[in-house]
PDB file of N, CA and C in Angstrom:
ATOM      1  N   UNK A   1       5.858  -0.938 -17.896  1.00  0.00           N
ATOM      2  CA  UNK A   1       5.049  -0.767 -16.693  1.00  0.00           C
ATOM      3  C   UNK A   1       3.650  -1.453 -16.852  1.00  0.00           C
ATOM      4  N   UNK A   2       3.273  -2.133 -15.811  1.00  0.00           N
ATOM      5  CA  UNK A   2       2.148  -2.884 -15.676  1.00  0.00           C
ATOM      6  C   UNK A   2       0.913  -1.986 -15.818  1.00  0.00           C
ATOM      7  N   UNK A   3      -0.226  -2.535 -16.173  1.00  0.00           N
ATOM      8  CA  UNK A   3      -1.477  -1.844 -16.288  1.00  0.00           C
ATOM      9  C   UNK A   3      -1.834  -1.252 -14.877  1.00  0.00           C
ATOM     10  N   UNK A   4      -1.636  -2.049 -13.894  1.00  0.00           N
ATOM     11  CA  UNK A   4      -1.958  -1.438 -12.502  1.00  0.00           C
ATOM     12  C   UNK A   4      -0.980  -0.400 -12.022  1.00  0.00           C
ATOM     13  N   UNK A   5       0.312  -0.573 -12.483  1.00  0.00           N
ATOM     14  CA  UNK A   5       1.173   0.455 -12.117  1.00  0.00           C
ATOM     15  C   UNK A   5       0.810   1.740 -12.851  1.00  0.00           C
ATOM     16  N   UNK A   6       0.467   1.724 -14.101  1.00  0.00           N
ATOM     17  CA  UNK A   6       0.133   2.836 -14.908  1.00  0.00           C
ATOM     18  C   UNK A   6      -1.005   3.550 -14.311  1.00  0.00           C
ATOM     19  N   UNK A   7      -2.172   2.708 -13.945  1.00  0.00           N
ATOM     20  CA  UNK A   7      -3.277   3.293 -13.464  1.00  0.00           C
ATOM     21  C   UNK A   7      -2.997   3.951 -11.996  1.00  0.00           C
ATOM     22  N   UNK A   8      -2.010   3.377 -11.215  1.00  0.00           N
ATOM     23  CA  UNK A   8      -1.763   3.943  -9.960  1.00  0.00           C
ATOM     24  C   UNK A   8      -0.951   5.327 -10.154  1.00  0.00           C
ATOM     25  N   UNK A   9      -0.113   5.227 -11.269  1.00  0.00           N
ATOM     26  CA  UNK A   9       0.606   6.422 -11.499  1.00  0.00           C
ATOM     27  C   UNK A   9      -0.292   7.682 -12.069  1.00  0.00           C
ATOM     28  N   UNK A  10      -1.326   7.234 -12.854  1.00  0.00           N
ATOM     29  CA  UNK A  10      -2.179   8.247 -13.376  1.00  0.00           C
ATOM     30  C   UNK A  10      -3.087   8.632 -12.027  1.00  0.00           C
ATOM     31  N   UNK A  11      -3.427   7.933 -11.374  1.00  0.00           N
ATOM     32  CA  UNK A  11      -3.964   8.284 -10.025  1.00  0.00           C
ATOM     33  C   UNK A  11      -3.394   9.269  -9.073  1.00  0.00           C
ATOM     34  N   UNK A  12      -2.200   8.993  -8.958  1.00  0.00           N
ATOM     35  CA  UNK A  12      -1.269   9.846  -7.989  1.00  0.00           C
ATOM     36  C   UNK A  12      -1.077  11.142  -8.910  1.00  0.00           C
ATOM     37  N   UNK A  13      -0.866  11.134 -10.152  1.00  0.00           N
ATOM     38  CA  UNK A  13      -0.805  12.365 -10.959  1.00  0.00           C
ATOM     39  C   UNK A  13      -1.969  13.303 -10.802  1.00  0.00           C
ATOM     40  N   UNK A  14      -3.162  12.678 -10.888  1.00  0.00           N
ATOM     41  CA  UNK A  14      -4.569  13.337 -10.574  1.00  0.00           C
ATOM     42  C   UNK A  14      -4.485  13.939  -9.319  1.00  0.00           C
ATOM     43  N   UNK A  15      -4.018  13.149  -8.212  1.00  0.00           N
ATOM     44  CA  UNK A  15      -4.211  13.643  -6.850  1.00  0.00           C
ATOM     45  C   UNK A  15      -3.296  14.828  -6.658  1.00  0.00           C
ATOM     46  N   UNK A  16      -1.945  14.806  -7.247  1.00  0.00           N
ATOM     47  CA  UNK A  16      -0.959  15.803  -7.054  1.00  0.00           C
ATOM     48  C   UNK A  16      -1.490  16.980  -7.798  1.00  0.00           C
ATOM     49  N   UNK A  17      -2.348  16.944  -8.872  1.00  0.00           N
ATOM     50  CA  UNK A  17      -2.713  18.083  -9.603  1.00  0.00           C
ATOM     51  C   UNK A  17      -3.713  18.874  -8.729  1.00  0.00           C
ATOM     52  N   UNK A  18      -4.444  18.300  -7.708  1.00  0.00           N
ATOM     53  CA  UNK A  18      -5.253  18.936  -6.675  1.00  0.00           C
ATOM     54  C   UNK A  18      -4.473  19.982  -5.890  1.00  0.00           C
ATOM     55  N   UNK A  19      -3.094  19.803  -5.633  1.00  0.00           N
ATOM     56  CA  UNK A  19      -2.331  20.613  -4.940  1.00  0.00           C
ATOM     57  C   UNK A  19      -2.159  21.905  -5.499  1.00  0.00           C
ATOM     58  N   UNK A  20      -2.007  22.083  -6.847  1.00  0.00           N
ATOM     59  CA  UNK A  20      -1.883  23.386  -7.619  1.00  0.00           C
ATOM     60  C   UNK A  20      -3.094  24.203  -7.526  1.00  0.00           C
ATOM     61  N   UNK A  21      -4.294  23.738  -7.421  1.00  0.00           N
ATOM     62  CA  UNK A  21      -5.438  24.558  -7.429  1.00  0.00           C
ATOM     63  C   UNK A  21      -6.385  24.344  -6.239  1.00  0.00           C
ATOM     64  N   UNK A  22      -6.035  23.809  -5.118  1.00  0.00           N
ATOM     65  CA  UNK A  22      -6.928  23.550  -3.967  1.00  0.00           C
ATOM     66  C   UNK A  22      -6.382  24.113  -2.835  1.00  0.00           C
ATOM     67  N   UNK A  23      -6.880  24.841  -2.004  1.00  0.00           N
ATOM     68  CA  UNK A  23      -6.507  25.198  -0.594  1.00  0.00           C
ATOM     69  C   UNK A  23      -6.388  24.043   0.289  1.00  0.00           C
ATOM     70  N   UNK A  24      -5.672  24.077   1.299  1.00  0.00           N
ATOM     71  CA  UNK A  24      -5.478  23.037   2.125  1.00  0.00           C
ATOM     72  C   UNK A  24      -6.721  22.620   2.805  1.00  0.00           C
ATOM     73  N   UNK A  25      -7.829  23.359   2.902  1.00  0.00           N
ATOM     74  CA  UNK A  25      -9.010  22.955   3.571  1.00  0.00           C
ATOM     75  C   UNK A  25      -9.915  22.208   2.650  1.00  0.00           C
ATOM     76  N   UNK A  26      -9.626  22.139   1.235  1.00  0.00           N
ATOM     77  CA  UNK A  26     -10.427  21.482   0.425  1.00  0.00           C
ATOM     78  C   UNK A  26     -11.402  21.941  -0.547  1.00  0.00           C
ATOM     79  N   UNK A  27     -11.292  23.339  -0.866  1.00  0.00           N
ATOM     80  CA  UNK A  27     -12.051  23.841  -1.801  1.00  0.00           C
ATOM     81  C   UNK A  27     -11.380  24.248  -3.119  1.00  0.00           C
ATOM     82  N   UNK A  28     -11.836  23.986  -4.344  1.00  0.00           N
ATOM     83  CA  UNK A  28     -12.884  23.331  -4.641  1.00  0.00           C
ATOM     84  C   UNK A  28     -12.967  21.820  -4.385  1.00  0.00           C
ATOM     85  N   UNK A  29     -13.991  21.165  -4.327  1.00  0.00           N
ATOM     86  CA  UNK A  29     -14.198  19.784  -4.158  1.00  0.00           C
ATOM     87  C   UNK A  29     -13.495  18.991  -5.040  1.00  0.00           C
ATOM     88  N   UNK A  30     -13.079  17.832  -4.473  1.00  0.00           N
ATOM     89  CA  UNK A  30     -12.460  16.751  -5.231  1.00  0.00           C
ATOM     90  C   UNK A  30     -13.313  15.540  -5.287  1.00  0.00           C
ATOM     91  N   UNK A  31     -12.987  14.581  -6.329  1.00  0.00           N
ATOM     92  CA  UNK A  31     -13.765  13.422  -6.492  1.00  0.00           C
ATOM     93  C   UNK A  31     -13.365  12.426  -5.505  1.00  0.00           C
ATOM     94  N   UNK A  32     -14.425  11.941  -4.625  1.00  0.00           N
ATOM     95  CA  UNK A  32     -14.101  10.939  -3.562  1.00  0.00           C
ATOM     96  C   UNK A  32     -13.622   9.601  -4.296  1.00  0.00           C
ATOM     97  N   UNK A  33     -14.166   9.252  -5.370  1.00  0.00           N
ATOM     98  CA  UNK A  33     -13.632   7.943  -5.979  1.00  0.00           C
ATOM     99  C   UNK A  33     -11.997   8.036  -6.031  1.00  0.00           C
ATOM    100  N   UNK A  34     -11.508   9.200  -6.428  1.00  0.00           N
ATOM    101  CA  UNK A  34     -10.008   9.291  -6.630  1.00  0.00           C
ATOM    102  C   UNK A  34      -9.325   9.078  -5.165  1.00  0.00           C
ATOM    103  N   UNK A  35      -9.945   9.556  -4.105  1.00  0.00           N
ATOM    104  CA  UNK A  35      -9.299   9.345  -2.700  1.00  0.00           C
ATOM    105  C   UNK A  35      -9.561   7.804  -2.435  1.00  0.00           C
ATOM    106  N   UNK A  36     -10.732   7.146  -2.644  1.00  0.00           N
ATOM    107  CA  UNK A  36     -10.862   5.764  -2.347  1.00  0.00           C
ATOM    108  C   UNK A  36      -9.947   5.037  -3.114  1.00  0.00           C
ATOM    109  N   UNK A  37      -9.597   5.188  -4.489  1.00  0.00           N
ATOM    110  CA  UNK A  37      -8.759   4.482  -5.436  1.00  0.00           C
ATOM    111  C   UNK A  37      -7.322   4.655  -4.588  1.00  0.00           C
ATOM    112  N   UNK A  38      -7.014   5.878  -4.342  1.00  0.00           N
ATOM    113  CA  UNK A  38      -5.537   6.081  -3.812  1.00  0.00           C
ATOM    114  C   UNK A  38      -5.515   5.147  -2.523  1.00  0.00           C
ATOM    115  N   UNK A  39      -6.476   5.263  -1.681  1.00  0.00           N
ATOM    116  CA  UNK A  39      -6.378   4.509  -0.352  1.00  0.00           C
ATOM    117  C   UNK A  39      -6.226   3.027  -0.630  1.00  0.00           C
ATOM    118  N   UNK A  40      -6.956   2.505  -1.717  1.00  0.00           N
ATOM    119  CA  UNK A  40      -6.948   1.180  -2.007  1.00  0.00           C
ATOM    120  C   UNK A  40      -5.644   0.788  -2.621  1.00  0.00           C
ATOM    121  N   UNK A  41      -4.908   1.530  -3.330  1.00  0.00           N
ATOM    122  CA  UNK A  41      -3.741   1.273  -3.957  1.00  0.00           C
ATOM    123  C   UNK A  41      -2.679   1.262  -2.823  1.00  0.00           C
ATOM    124  N   UNK A  42      -2.738   2.156  -1.758  1.00  0.00           N
ATOM    125  CA  UNK A  42      -1.840   2.262  -0.734  1.00  0.00           C
ATOM    126  C   UNK A  42      -1.963   0.985   0.094  1.00  0.00           C
ATOM    127  N   UNK A  43      -3.228   0.577   0.472  1.00  0.00           N
ATOM    128  CA  UNK A  43      -3.462  -0.615   1.229  1.00  0.00           C
ATOM    129  C   UNK A  43      -2.877  -1.946   0.465  1.00  0.00           C
ATOM    130  N   UNK A  44      -3.151  -1.949  -0.757  1.00  0.00           N
ATOM    131  CA  UNK A  44      -2.567  -3.078  -1.633  1.00  0.00           C
ATOM    132  C   UNK A  44      -1.105  -3.132  -1.575  1.00  0.00           C
ATOM    133  N   UNK A  45      -0.394  -2.006  -1.725  1.00  0.00           N
ATOM    134  CA  UNK A  45       0.882  -2.015  -1.550  1.00  0.00           C
ATOM    135  C   UNK A  45       1.453  -2.364  -0.279  1.00  0.00           C
ATOM    136  N   UNK A  46       0.787  -1.915   0.757  1.00  0.00           N
ATOM    137  CA  UNK A  46       1.137  -2.442   2.226  1.00  0.00           C
ATOM    138  C   UNK A  46       1.135  -3.790   2.419  1.00  0.00           C
ATOM    139  N   UNK A  47      -0.005  -4.329   1.672  1.00  0.00           N
ATOM    140  CA  UNK A  47      -0.248  -5.825   2.061  1.00  0.00           C
ATOM    141  C   UNK A  47       0.816  -6.640   1.257  1.00  0.00           C
ATOM    142  N   UNK A  48       1.242  -6.123   0.049  1.00  0.00           N
ATOM    143  CA  UNK A  48       2.159  -6.903  -0.793  1.00  0.00           C
ATOM    144  C   UNK A  48       3.517  -6.783  -0.132  1.00  0.00           C
ATOM    145  N   UNK A  49       3.924  -5.631   0.421  1.00  0.00           N
ATOM    146  CA  UNK A  49       5.075  -5.424   1.136  1.00  0.00           C
ATOM    147  C   UNK A  49       5.247  -6.265   2.426  1.00  0.00           C
ATOM    148  N   UNK A  50       4.122  -6.399   3.103  1.00  0.00           N
ATOM    149  CA  UNK A  50       4.098  -7.197   4.310  1.00  0.00           C
ATOM    150  C   UNK A  50       4.317  -8.801   3.894  1.00  0.00           C
ATOM    151  N   UNK A  51       3.506  -9.169   2.863  1.00  0.00           N
ATOM    152  CA  UNK A  51       3.725 -10.628   2.384  1.00  0.00           C
ATOM    153  C   UNK A  51       5.016 -10.906   1.963  1.00  0.00           C
ATOM    154  N   UNK A  52       5.744 -10.085   1.193  1.00  0.00           N
ATOM    155  CA  UNK A  52       7.176 -10.151   0.795  1.00  0.00           C
ATOM    156  C   UNK A  52       8.004 -10.290   2.097  1.00  0.00           C
ATOM    157  N   UNK A  53       7.843  -9.392   2.876  1.00  0.00           N
ATOM    158  CA  UNK A  53       8.555  -9.480   4.238  1.00  0.00           C
ATOM    159  C   UNK A  53       8.380 -10.849   4.800  1.00  0.00           C
ATOM    160  N   UNK A  54       7.222 -11.277   5.005  1.00  0.00           N
ATOM    161  CA  UNK A  54       6.991 -12.574   5.541  1.00  0.00           C
ATOM    162  C   UNK A  54       7.620 -13.756   4.742  1.00  0.00           C
ATOM    163  N   UNK A  55       7.548 -13.673   3.481  1.00  0.00           N
ATOM    164  CA  UNK A  55       8.253 -14.631   2.577  1.00  0.00           C
ATOM    165  C   UNK A  55       9.680 -14.703   2.942  1.00  0.00           C
ATOM    166  N   UNK A  56      10.350 -13.568   3.068  1.00  0.00           N
ATOM    167  CA  UNK A  56      11.747 -13.379   3.306  1.00  0.00           C
ATOM    168  C   UNK A  56      12.043 -14.135   4.637  1.00  0.00           C
ATOM    169  N   UNK A  57      11.270 -13.815   5.671  1.00  0.00           N
ATOM    170  CA  UNK A  57      11.433 -14.289   6.900  1.00  0.00           C
ATOM    171  C   UNK A  57      11.350 -15.773   6.869  1.00  0.00           C
ATOM    172  N   UNK A  58      10.350 -16.222   5.980  1.00  0.00           N
ATOM    173  CA  UNK A  58      10.218 -17.845   5.876  1.00  0.00           C
ATOM    174  C   UNK A  58      11.526 -18.486   5.188  1.00  0.00           C
ATOM    175  N   UNK A  59      11.955 -17.723   4.258  1.00  0.00           N
ATOM    176  CA  UNK A  59      13.206 -18.225   3.624  1.00  0.00           C
ATOM    177  C   UNK A  59      14.382 -18.138   4.512  1.00  0.00           C
ATOM    178  N   UNK A  60      14.480 -17.409   5.335  1.00  0.00           N
ATOM    179  CA  UNK A  60      15.661 -17.288   6.276  1.00  0.00           C
ATOM    180  C   UNK A  60      15.379 -17.893   7.716  1.00  0.00           C
ATOM    181  N   UNK A  61      14.560 -18.835   7.634  1.00  0.00           N
ATOM    182  CA  UNK A  61      14.210 -19.539   8.930  1.00  0.00           C
ATOM    183  C   UNK A  61      15.503 -20.261   9.575  1.00  0.00           C
ATOM    184  N   UNK A  62      15.538 -20.145  10.896  1.00  0.00           N
ATOM    185  CA  UNK A  62      16.604 -20.926  11.446  1.00  0.00           C
ATOM    186  C   UNK A  62      16.127 -22.156  12.054  1.00  0.00           C
ATOM    187  N   UNK A  63      16.880 -23.105  12.578  1.00  0.00           N
ATOM    188  CA  UNK A  63      16.417 -24.246  13.076  1.00  0.00           C
ATOM    189  C   UNK A  63      15.467 -23.982  14.297  1.00  0.00           C
ATOM    190  N   UNK A  64      15.714 -22.777  15.016  1.00  0.00           N
ATOM    191  CA  UNK A  64      14.986 -22.499  16.098  1.00  0.00           C
ATOM    192  C   UNK A  64      13.419 -22.095  15.770  1.00  0.00           C
ATOM    193  N   UNK A  65      13.217 -21.877  14.504  1.00  0.00           N
ATOM    194  CA  UNK A  65      11.936 -21.454  14.049  1.00  0.00           C
ATOM    195  C   UNK A  65      11.643 -19.946  14.195  1.00  0.00           C
ATOM    196  N   UNK A  66      12.708 -19.187  14.336  1.00  0.00           N
ATOM    197  CA  UNK A  66      12.669 -17.764  14.537  1.00  0.00           C
ATOM    198  C   UNK A  66      12.151 -17.236  13.303  1.00  0.00           C
ATOM    199  N   UNK A  67      12.496 -17.512  12.189  1.00  0.00           N
ATOM    200  CA  UNK A  67      11.911 -16.996  10.726  1.00  0.00           C
ATOM    201  C   UNK A  67      10.534 -17.139  10.631  1.00  0.00           C
ATOM    202  N   UNK A  68      10.074 -18.504  11.011  1.00  0.00           N
ATOM    203  CA  UNK A  68       8.487 -18.674  10.901  1.00  0.00           C
ATOM    204  C   UNK A  68       7.707 -17.938  12.015  1.00  0.00           C
ATOM    205  N   UNK A  69       8.391 -17.651  13.104  1.00  0.00           N
ATOM    206  CA  UNK A  69       7.664 -16.793  14.013  1.00  0.00           C
ATOM    207  C   UNK A  69       7.366 -15.342  13.644  1.00  0.00           C
ATOM    208  N   UNK A  70       8.546 -14.788  13.001  1.00  0.00           N
ATOM    209  CA  UNK A  70       8.545 -13.460  12.405  1.00  0.00           C
ATOM    210  C   UNK A  70       7.708 -13.339  11.332  1.00  0.00           C
ATOM    211  N   UNK A  71       7.679 -14.487  10.425  1.00  0.00           N
ATOM    212  CA  UNK A  71       6.622 -14.428   9.304  1.00  0.00           C
ATOM    213  C   UNK A  71       5.315 -14.432   9.774  1.00  0.00           C
ATOM    214  N   UNK A  72       4.899 -15.232  10.912  1.00  0.00           N
ATOM    215  CA  UNK A  72       3.582 -15.263  11.376  1.00  0.00           C
ATOM    216  C   UNK A  72       3.288 -13.918  11.866  1.00  0.00           C
ATOM    217  N   UNK A  73       4.160 -13.419  12.661  1.00  0.00           N
ATOM    218  CA  UNK A  73       3.960 -11.932  13.179  1.00  0.00           C
ATOM    219  C   UNK A  73       3.537 -10.857  12.254  1.00  0.00           C
ATOM    220  N   UNK A  74       4.336 -11.005  11.004  1.00  0.00           N
ATOM    221  CA  UNK A  74       4.307  -9.985   9.889  1.00  0.00           C
ATOM    222  C   UNK A  74       2.776 -10.346   9.164  1.00  0.00           C
ATOM    223  N   UNK A  75       2.564 -11.652   9.015  1.00  0.00           N
ATOM    224  CA  UNK A  75       1.201 -11.911   8.436  1.00  0.00           C
ATOM    225  C   UNK A  75       0.069 -11.391   9.403  1.00  0.00           C
ATOM    226  N   UNK A  76       0.242 -11.481  10.681  1.00  0.00           N
ATOM    227  CA  UNK A  76      -0.924 -11.004  11.500  1.00  0.00           C
ATOM    228  C   UNK A  76      -0.974  -9.399  11.454  1.00  0.00           C
ATOM    229  N   UNK A  77       0.123  -8.713  11.250  1.00  0.00           N
ATOM    230  CA  UNK A  77      -0.092  -7.349  11.024  1.00  0.00           C
ATOM    231  C   UNK A  77      -0.851  -7.115   9.659  1.00  0.00           C
ATOM    232  N   UNK A  78      -0.543  -7.840   8.605  1.00  0.00           N
ATOM    233  CA  UNK A  78      -1.288  -7.769   7.381  1.00  0.00           C
ATOM    234  C   UNK A  78      -2.785  -7.979   7.488  1.00  0.00           C
ATOM    235  N   UNK A  79      -3.105  -8.946   8.387  1.00  0.00           N
ATOM    236  CA  UNK A  79      -4.539  -9.343   8.691  1.00  0.00           C
ATOM    237  C   UNK A  79      -5.263  -8.164   9.281  1.00  0.00           C
ATOM    238  N   UNK A  80      -4.492  -7.329  10.071  1.00  0.00           N
ATOM    239  CA  UNK A  80      -5.119  -6.331  11.019  1.00  0.00           C
ATOM    240  C   UNK A  80      -5.633  -5.186  10.139  1.00  0.00           C
ATOM    241  N   UNK A  81      -5.214  -4.914   8.876  1.00  0.00           N
ATOM    242  CA  UNK A  81      -5.426  -3.884   7.995  1.00  0.00           C
ATOM    243  C   UNK A  81      -6.886  -3.526   8.080  1.00  0.00           C
TER     244      UNK A  81
END
């Protein structure tokens, strides 16, 4: 497991631990840095998935350029993050 994956797994584990001792309305308080880190990890995973999808579309481009059009649309979605 990569260092990034380990750190994301540890982050998820910490966030899941909040479920056992926190009411749905959020007391006791949690660390904002954990929420920020989780959001960053989710956004990075989304960007990577969109880039991979765009690469697949590029690789399966037809002579009409449909693959490149799809890849461009996917990359545009990534930029909107």
